[in-house]
Amino acid sequence: MRTVEVAKGAYGIAFGADGSTWFTVAEGAQVGHVEDGGEPVYHRLEAGSQPTVVTVAPDGAAWFTEYKADRIGRIGADGELTAIQLGEGAGPYGIATDRSGAVWFTETATDHIGRIAPDGELTRFAIPHRGGFPSAIAAAPGGRMWFTLNAAASVGHVDADGAVTVIPLEWDGAAPVGIAAGVSGVWFADIMGDRIGRIDADGTVSAFALSEGAKPHAVAVDAEGGCWFTEWGGNRLGRVSLDGEVSGWDLSEAGSEPHGLAIAPDGTVWTALESGRLARIAR
């Protein structure tokens, strides 16, 4: 397993089309990036802003949520740092870009999904479930944006016209967090139920059990249609194949606390470790 040393508190991770690596440092209020195997370059934010999830738009700009500052931040390809201020107490967490370059995000405390159009226009869509704690969000190939409702044991999606649909999970103790979508379906991590879930095109919901205490957090879909996931509690990375086979890889350092997960343009799988590293899994 290859690792890159970064600041302690690394949390989210994403890749640009050019292979550049972007990551957030939640504890240190920084966003970093690494290019061509070089040393990490950091962009400092307001102290205590707690940047969490990051995504890279088609134009190469990195967008990220600042959970405690109620802001959506942006670092352009030219390195310029800008931000969009949300309402007080919004608590933005998940973020993703769609095919048009629009940026979507969740507001954990207001039961809304937000959208920033390429021209900068901000639109918010209400979720018909109070106190659901919308968490991660991901773009599906067909154009829908899928999200998790951590406190409502549900997942949902927003269509291009703004219509919101919520799908309750019929599982005891479900609390979904990470979500990813691909041609094989929509995958999500049930952090409290120690499960990985999948929703097929026909709406069938399947569950894949993990070890007790695994606490899966983030997910990513690979080119083969399988789902990779981080085990925040198990100190592992894992994968569920299309036929349901579960495999895993232990991290070399105890207490690494893997959070964010992303697949690079070359197909390699990377995770951000809160202990202060970016790690690549060798299959």
Protein backbone atom coordinates (compact mmCIF):
# COMPACT_ATOMS: atom_id res chain seq x y z
CA MET A 1 0.00 0.00 0.00
CA ARG A 2 1.43 3.36 -1.04
CA THR A 3 0.93 6.34 1.28
CA VAL A 4 1.45 10.09 0.99
CA GLU A 5 2.05 12.00 4.20
CA VAL A 6 -0.31 14.95 4.64
CA ALA A 7 -1.60 17.05 7.53
CA LYS A 8 -3.36 15.28 10.39
CA GLY A 9 -7.12 15.37 10.04
CA ALA A 10 -7.33 14.44 6.33
CA TYR A 11 -10.99 13.76 5.57
CA GLY A 12 -12.31 14.08 1.99
CA ILE A 13 -10.52 13.16 -1.23
CA ALA A 14 -11.25 13.67 -4.94
CA PHE A 15 -9.41 13.57 -8.26
CA GLY A 16 -9.35 15.93 -11.19
CA ALA A 17 -9.47 14.66 -14.76
CA ASP A 18 -5.75 15.48 -15.01
CA GLY A 19 -4.98 13.16 -12.10
CA SER A 20 -4.43 15.91 -9.53
CA THR A 21 -5.39 14.85 -6.00
CA TRP A 22 -7.46 17.14 -3.79
CA PHE A 23 -8.17 16.55 -0.12
CA THR A 24 -9.62 18.34 2.88
CA VAL A 25 -8.06 18.65 6.32
CA ALA A 26 -11.01 18.95 8.67
CA GLU A 27 -9.07 19.57 11.87
CA GLY A 28 -6.65 22.06 10.34
CA ALA A 29 -9.10 24.05 8.20
CA GLN A 30 -7.14 23.46 5.01
CA VAL A 31 -7.65 22.10 1.53
CA GLY A 32 -4.64 20.48 -0.09
CA HIS A 33 -3.68 19.17 -3.48
CA VAL A 34 -0.90 17.03 -4.90
CA GLU A 35 0.22 17.05 -8.53
CA ASP A 36 2.55 14.70 -10.39
CA GLY A 37 3.74 12.97 -7.23
CA GLY A 38 4.98 16.24 -5.73
CA GLU A 39 4.68 17.60 -2.23
CA PRO A 40 1.23 18.61 -0.94
CA VAL A 41 0.28 22.27 -1.41
CA TYR A 42 -2.14 23.70 1.17
CA HIS A 43 -4.78 26.40 0.99
CA ARG A 44 -5.62 27.76 4.42
CA LEU A 45 -9.20 28.57 5.37
CA GLU A 46 -10.78 30.35 8.29
CA ALA A 47 -9.90 28.61 11.57
CA GLY A 48 -12.59 26.19 12.68
CA SER A 49 -14.43 26.13 9.35
CA GLN A 50 -14.10 22.32 9.16
CA PRO A 51 -13.88 21.51 5.44
CA THR A 52 -15.31 18.06 4.85
CA VAL A 53 -16.16 16.64 1.42
CA VAL A 54 -14.51 17.81 -1.82
CA THR A 55 -15.34 17.39 -5.51
CA VAL A 56 -13.60 18.51 -8.70
CA ALA A 57 -15.61 20.18 -11.47
CA PRO A 58 -14.97 19.66 -15.21
CA ASP A 59 -13.11 23.00 -15.38
CA GLY A 60 -10.60 21.76 -12.79
CA ALA A 61 -11.91 23.82 -9.89
CA ALA A 62 -12.15 22.10 -6.51
CA TRP A 63 -15.38 22.69 -4.57
CA PHE A 64 -15.78 21.74 -0.92
CA THR A 65 -18.14 22.10 2.01
CA GLU A 66 -17.19 24.07 5.12
CA TYR A 67 -19.41 22.39 7.67
CA LYS A 68 -19.02 24.76 10.60
CA ALA A 69 -18.69 27.96 8.57
CA ASP A 70 -21.88 27.31 6.56
CA ARG A 71 -20.05 27.91 3.31
CA ILE A 72 -19.32 26.28 -0.03
CA GLY A 73 -15.72 26.94 -0.97
CA ARG A 74 -14.06 26.92 -4.39
CA ILE A 75 -10.43 26.89 -5.47
CA GLY A 76 -10.11 27.66 -9.17
CA ALA A 77 -7.55 26.20 -11.53
CA ASP A 78 -5.67 29.49 -11.06
CA GLY A 79 -5.53 28.93 -7.28
CA GLU A 80 -8.03 31.69 -6.43
CA LEU A 81 -10.09 30.91 -3.33
CA THR A 82 -13.73 32.06 -3.24
CA ALA A 83 -16.79 31.02 -1.25
CA ILE A 84 -20.58 31.11 -1.26
CA GLN A 85 -22.09 31.85 2.13
CA LEU A 86 -25.18 29.86 3.07
CA GLY A 87 -27.71 30.56 5.78
CA GLU A 88 -26.66 30.31 9.40
CA GLY A 89 -26.78 26.75 10.69
CA ALA A 90 -27.00 25.12 7.24
CA GLY A 91 -24.26 22.61 8.05
CA PRO A 92 -23.22 21.69 4.48
CA TYR A 93 -21.56 18.29 4.26
CA GLY A 94 -21.84 16.23 1.06
CA ILE A 95 -20.93 17.71 -2.32
CA ALA A 96 -20.77 16.46 -5.93
CA THR A 97 -20.77 17.75 -9.50
CA ASP A 98 -23.13 16.68 -12.27
CA ARG A 99 -22.57 16.31 -16.02
CA SER A 100 -23.30 19.98 -16.69
CA GLY A 101 -20.72 21.16 -14.17
CA ALA A 102 -23.34 22.19 -11.61
CA VAL A 103 -22.35 21.63 -7.99
CA TRP A 104 -24.81 19.94 -5.62
CA PHE A 105 -24.54 19.79 -1.82
CA THR A 106 -26.46 18.72 1.26
CA GLU A 107 -27.53 20.94 4.15
CA THR A 108 -27.55 18.60 7.14
CA ALA A 109 -29.48 20.90 9.47
CA THR A 110 -32.10 22.40 7.14
CA ASP A 111 -33.47 19.40 5.21
CA HIS A 112 -32.44 20.88 1.86
CA ILE A 113 -30.35 19.93 -1.15
CA GLY A 114 -28.56 22.84 -2.82
CA ARG A 115 -27.44 23.38 -6.40
CA ILE A 116 -24.96 25.93 -7.75
CA ALA A 117 -25.32 26.29 -11.51
CA PRO A 118 -22.28 26.93 -13.72
CA ASP A 119 -23.35 30.59 -13.88
CA GLY A 120 -23.36 30.78 -10.06
CA GLU A 121 -27.11 30.71 -9.48
CA LEU A 122 -28.00 29.02 -6.18
CA THR A 123 -31.17 26.90 -5.91
CA ARG A 124 -32.35 24.91 -2.90
CA PHE A 125 -34.73 21.93 -2.90
CA ALA A 126 -36.67 20.98 0.22
CA ILE A 127 -36.64 17.35 1.34
CA PRO A 128 -40.05 16.08 2.52
CA HIS A 129 -38.66 14.70 5.76
CA ARG A 130 -37.87 16.84 8.79
CA GLY A 131 -34.71 16.11 10.73
CA GLY A 132 -33.42 13.57 8.20
CA PHE A 133 -29.82 14.88 8.29
CA PRO A 134 -29.03 14.72 4.55
CA SER A 135 -25.42 13.60 4.35
CA ALA A 136 -23.56 12.44 1.21
CA ILE A 137 -24.65 13.12 -2.36
CA ALA A 138 -23.61 11.61 -5.70
CA ALA A 139 -24.40 11.98 -9.41
CA ALA A 140 -25.90 9.02 -11.27
CA PRO A 141 -25.18 8.37 -14.97
CA GLY A 142 -28.78 9.18 -15.87
CA GLY A 143 -28.66 12.65 -14.34
CA ARG A 144 -30.28 12.08 -10.96
CA MET A 145 -28.52 13.19 -7.80
CA TRP A 146 -28.74 10.60 -5.03
CA PHE A 147 -28.33 11.39 -1.34
CA THR A 148 -28.52 9.73 2.06
CA LEU A 149 -30.70 10.71 5.02
CA ASN A 150 -28.62 9.53 7.95
CA ALA A 151 -31.13 10.21 10.70
CA ALA A 152 -34.15 9.03 8.71
CA ALA A 153 -32.82 5.59 7.65
CA SER A 154 -33.47 6.55 4.03
CA VAL A 155 -31.90 7.39 0.70
CA GLY A 156 -33.35 9.70 -1.90
CA HIS A 157 -32.83 11.39 -5.22
CA VAL A 158 -33.40 14.75 -6.86
CA ASP A 159 -34.38 14.80 -10.53
CA ALA A 160 -33.31 17.44 -13.03
CA ASP A 161 -36.66 19.22 -12.57
CA GLY A 162 -36.14 19.45 -8.81
CA ALA A 163 -38.54 16.65 -7.84
CA VAL A 164 -37.38 14.94 -4.63
CA THR A 165 -38.08 11.27 -3.83
CA VAL A 166 -37.27 9.59 -0.51
CA ILE A 167 -36.86 5.80 -0.20
CA PRO A 168 -37.05 4.41 3.39
CA LEU A 169 -34.79 1.48 4.24
CA GLU A 170 -36.57 -1.45 5.84
CA TRP A 171 -33.60 -2.35 8.04
CA ASP A 172 -33.21 -2.16 11.79
CA GLY A 173 -30.87 0.60 12.93
CA ALA A 174 -29.98 1.85 9.47
CA ALA A 175 -28.03 5.12 9.27
CA PRO A 176 -26.67 5.62 5.72
CA VAL A 177 -23.80 8.04 5.07
CA GLY A 178 -21.67 7.60 1.93
CA ILE A 179 -23.33 7.09 -1.44
CA ALA A 180 -22.12 6.51 -5.01
CA ALA A 181 -23.86 5.69 -8.28
CA GLY A 182 -22.82 3.82 -11.41
CA VAL A 183 -24.23 1.65 -14.16
CA SER A 184 -24.45 -1.22 -11.64
CA GLY A 185 -26.81 0.75 -9.41
CA VAL A 186 -26.66 3.04 -6.41
CA TRP A 187 -24.44 1.95 -3.51
CA PHE A 188 -24.39 3.34 0.01
CA ALA A 189 -22.74 2.75 3.39
CA ASP A 190 -24.89 2.01 6.44
CA ILE A 191 -22.52 3.13 9.17
CA MET A 192 -24.58 1.98 12.15
CA GLY A 193 -25.88 -1.23 10.60
CA ASP A 194 -22.43 -2.41 9.41
CA ARG A 195 -23.83 -2.94 5.92
CA ILE A 196 -23.28 -1.88 2.34
CA GLY A 197 -26.51 -1.35 0.45
CA ARG A 198 -27.36 -1.35 -3.24
CA ILE A 199 -30.40 -0.14 -5.16
CA ASP A 200 -30.73 -1.72 -8.60
CA ALA A 201 -32.33 -0.09 -11.63
CA ASP A 202 -35.63 -1.86 -10.90
CA GLY A 203 -35.68 -0.50 -7.34
CA THR A 204 -34.58 -3.70 -5.62
CA VAL A 205 -32.68 -2.93 -2.41
CA SER A 206 -29.98 -5.39 -1.30
CA ALA A 207 -27.78 -5.48 1.80
CA PHE A 208 -24.29 -6.91 2.21
CA ALA A 209 -23.25 -7.58 5.79
CA LEU A 210 -19.84 -6.56 7.13
CA SER A 211 -18.07 -7.43 10.37
CA GLU A 212 -19.56 -6.04 13.56
CA GLY A 213 -18.07 -2.66 14.33
CA ALA A 214 -16.89 -2.02 10.76
CA LYS A 215 -18.78 1.30 10.56
CA PRO A 216 -18.51 1.82 6.79
CA HIS A 217 -18.35 5.50 5.90
CA ALA A 218 -17.58 6.34 2.25
CA VAL A 219 -18.20 4.39 -0.97
CA ALA A 220 -17.01 4.56 -4.59
CA VAL A 221 -18.00 2.54 -7.68
CA ASP A 222 -15.22 1.12 -9.84
CA ALA A 223 -15.13 0.40 -13.59
CA GLU A 224 -16.22 -3.21 -12.98
CA GLY A 225 -19.38 -2.08 -11.19
CA GLY A 226 -18.13 -3.12 -7.75
CA CYS A 227 -18.35 -0.93 -4.68
CA TRP A 228 -15.33 0.09 -2.59
CA PHE A 229 -15.85 1.32 0.95
CA THR A 230 -13.96 2.57 3.98
CA GLU A 231 -14.39 0.90 7.37
CA TRP A 232 -13.96 3.76 9.80
CA GLY A 233 -14.40 1.42 12.77
CA GLY A 234 -12.59 -1.60 11.29
CA ASN A 235 -9.48 0.25 10.08
CA ARG A 236 -9.92 -1.38 6.68
CA LEU A 237 -10.85 -0.83 3.07
CA GLY A 238 -13.29 -3.22 1.46
CA ARG A 239 -15.02 -4.06 -1.79
CA VAL A 240 -18.32 -5.69 -2.71
CA SER A 241 -18.37 -7.21 -6.19
CA LEU A 242 -21.41 -7.20 -8.44
CA ASP A 243 -22.23 -10.77 -7.36
CA GLY A 244 -22.03 -9.83 -3.68
CA GLU A 245 -18.59 -11.12 -2.74
CA VAL A 246 -17.10 -9.04 0.08
CA SER A 247 -13.32 -8.66 0.42
CA GLY A 248 -11.15 -6.39 2.55
CA TRP A 249 -7.68 -5.01 3.18
CA ASP A 250 -6.34 -4.05 6.61
CA LEU A 251 -4.58 -0.71 6.92
CA SER A 252 -0.99 -0.99 8.12
CA GLU A 253 -1.29 1.57 10.93
CA ALA A 254 -3.73 1.07 13.79
CA GLY A 255 -6.22 3.89 14.33
CA SER A 256 -5.86 5.31 10.82
CA GLU A 257 -9.56 6.32 10.71
CA PRO A 258 -10.25 6.07 6.96
CA HIS A 259 -12.91 8.54 5.84
CA GLY A 260 -13.02 9.80 2.25
CA LEU A 261 -12.63 7.45 -0.70
CA ALA A 262 -12.09 8.08 -4.42
CA ILE A 263 -10.97 6.28 -7.55
CA ALA A 264 -8.27 8.00 -9.59
CA PRO A 265 -8.43 8.32 -13.40
CA ASP A 266 -5.99 5.40 -13.67
CA GLY A 267 -8.38 3.17 -11.69
CA THR A 268 -6.41 3.07 -8.44
CA VAL A 269 -8.34 3.37 -5.18
CA TRP A 270 -7.36 6.01 -2.62
CA THR A 271 -8.57 6.91 0.85
CA ALA A 272 -7.98 9.85 3.18
CA LEU A 273 -6.83 8.80 6.64
CA GLU A 274 -7.52 11.09 9.57
CA SER A 275 -4.15 10.03 11.00
CA GLY A 276 -2.54 12.20 8.32
CA ARG A 277 -2.06 10.15 5.15
CA LEU A 278 -3.51 9.46 1.75
CA ALA A 279 -3.31 5.73 1.05
CA ARG A 280 -3.59 3.76 -2.19
CA ILE A 281 -4.71 0.17 -2.13
CA ALA A 282 -2.77 -2.34 -4.22
CA ARG A 283 -5.18 -5.04 -5.48
